[in-house]
Amino acid sequence: MKMNNKEHKGKTKIHNVRFYNLTPRAIQNMAYNNFLKKLALSRNDGSIEIWDMQYMPLLERTIPTTPGNSVEGMVWVGERLFSVGLSGEIVEWDLQKLVPRRKQYVTGNAIWCIDVNVKATQLAVGTEEGYVNIFDVENDEMDYKNLFDKQEGRVLCCKFDHSGEYLVTGSVCAIRIWNVSSGHAIHKMTVRSDTREVIVWCLRVLKDFTIISGDSRGIVTVWDGRTATEIETHQMLKADVLTLTTNEDETMLMCSGIEPIIRIYSKTLIKRDEMEYHRWVKFLQRSVHDHDVKALICMDERIISGGMDGYLSISSAVKTSSTMAKYGPFLQGCCSSIAPKKRLLLLRYTDYLEVWSLGSTNGEYTTTVHSKSEDKLQRQLLRIDESPKKNFAMKSKDEARIICATISPNAKWICYSTITDTRLFRFKVDEKGADKLHLIENLPEQFCAASLIHFSTDSKRLYLVSSETQSILVFAILKNNAVELEFITQINTKKHIKDNINLLEVSEDDKYIVAAGLDHSIAIWSEKEKGHYKYQFNLPKYIAATTAIALHADYPCLVATFSDGRIIEYNIEEIRFTCSEQNDLLDSARTHCTTKILLDRRCSDLFVLLNEENVYALKKYLNDEIEPEIEPIIKKQSKKHKKQKSVSLDQKTSGLRMTFSKNTTHSLNLSWLTHEDLVVVGMNAMSLIDQLPSAFKQKKFGSA
């Protein structure tokens, strides 16, 4: 597609890549930390994702593998995350190194469920053989405490009551209430059906010791925990209820399962004659997913849901709003990279890479689309002259999960990293046109597993961020030499970035390195001599996480976007903000973080941005006065750099306005192919759906 922008008197071709076909990874379960505003979710490939939910949802880190590649339950204990799975281990995770911090086997083999008491002092886990294990987790420890009496059948779900004195467990045909201190069952409630056995999949225990259970009949039952008697039942779904939750004040109940509808019930006061009592009454329903829903969490007035289709979905729990946002089951980090000189595209999958030759056009138009916006842009669809071609695919060693991968701009090198090591290949095409890869073996000892990989624009340097130390390692790529990679320097980032580095950007002339961390830090280094860098300064910390960064090619300015939608431009040499804007110009900009920034060399005032739903262009304009949000940041920066060029508060910052937008659902990456050609890499939604098993069949009104 060709975009004609009359205002800038330039045309940009947009290559829409839709042959990136990821395998859907189902969401198994979720755990939300209300204090940290973090959401942990596990997928069916054994990975765990940590999402920052403070503003717009942002995938901030991924634990790539877990014991047995199975996660059946997770809980937060303060800032600590625990998981359990079919390997029979309870694991506490180091969320910086993304490896197990502690592991301990339990009695009863495979673990199906886990819960923590309100005081965050004890963990309970339910096992395959019917044992419940209790662990003390006070004082940053994890110590085995006691074992409950063995029950018949596996323990599928468990929940502490509000006091922590009792534990409620669910299994096949039964719900039990246990005394935590003695380990004995004090009540057993039988759940039966005349035609089949009933599986209790999920539980919720309210503050007044009301127990709510969901089972394989699609029924939600409300019990009195003190007397172990049934209060009310509701046929909420036509098939298994796999998950249920309540809001914080326990006035609303949500459930879902194999029938992919989220049912919402409200706790209502019923007055009959002289009697008053509460009952759960149907309030609302949301159709968010097309396949099984396996996890639900209520966060304020929003429902977070996930299941078989792999989408993390956020919908409204109130009637006054019907907003909904979905976030695809995509890999963290950059999924693709471009070699512009050879028109090659590298695509990253979980354990293999693909290299494609991009298609080309002869310049003939098939359709012209006139924009309805005030900018009067024209969009012209071009006829494809040569179709994209898949050159080859390469598996990672031992089919290990690939953390990051890239191809050099000159298409001579391919580098990827797994959890354990980084591998570098020389790539070339022989006289017969066949692709050849040669593994480089004599590498410097500093060449280690990396969380980020970056080639310089001239393909003469390679930058790695060490997975273990978070140091930035700089290597020189040599030509016609026995040693093809030479270590230059190591940049220690720990003093300036206290958490993992999630973004790395190097200027086109290699003069500046900018790194952004998960602690909201943005640090800048400049080259003092060839290949060696000196720390300059940190930008003031912003309240929201950094989602994308970019450096101008022709002058020292940094552009950054944040998870609350703010966009800033910062002049590194003048030490001042030159642009600031709250990005709410598109509906998707209020729900989806910006994941990529491109800067146009033809127009330095133009920013091209990408989120999961849109690619759009913003142009700077001069504000009459400094925005209130940016003024305290400028004051702070001015005090910090007294010896450097002063920052005047009467200097004007610019705002942004939209000049172009295009809907590109499931967009994952954006790159320049030439100064006039953009490549947008995205997923075809139908390719995800086609790989899923059949959904729950239900007859719709008006259908045969």
Foldseek 3Di string as FASTA:
>chain_A
DKWQFVVLREIFAEAEAAPFFFAFWFWFEWEADPVQCWIWIATQQLKIWIWRRPAFTDGADILQHDVVSAFQEWYDQPPWIWTFFQQQKIFIADVFLSHTPDIDGDPAHGWREKDAAPVSQKMWIWHQQQKIWIWGCPPNDTGTDDIADGDPGTFNYKDAANVNQWMWTWAKQWIFIAGVVVRYTPDIDGHDDPPDIKGFQYWDADNQRWIWTWIFCCKIWIARRVVRGTDDMDNNDRGGWNDKDADPVRQKIWTFFQAQKIWIWGWDWDDDDPDIDTDTHTDDMDRDDQGTWRYWDDDPQWIWTTGQLNWTKIAGNDPVDGDIDIDGNDAPDAQWEAQLVQQWIWGFHFFKIWIKRAWDFPPDFDDWDFDPDPSGMIDTHTDTPGHMGTQDMGGHVVSATWLDKYAANNRQKIWTFGSWFIWIWGWDADPVRHIDIDTDDPADPVHTGANDWDAANVRQKIWGQHSPQRKIWIWGQDPPDPYGIGTDDIHRCCVQEVGHWRDWEAANVRQKIWTFGQVQKIWMWGDPDVPDIDTDDIQPRDPFGWQEKYADRPAGKIWTAGSNQKIWIAHPQQGGTAAIERPPQDVVSSRWGWRYWDAQPSARQKIWTDTQWKTWIKGKDWDPADDPVCQVSLVVSQVVPVVHNGDDRRDTHIYIDTNDMDTDHQWRDWDDSDSNYIYTYGHDSVSSVVSGPDRDDDDDPPDD
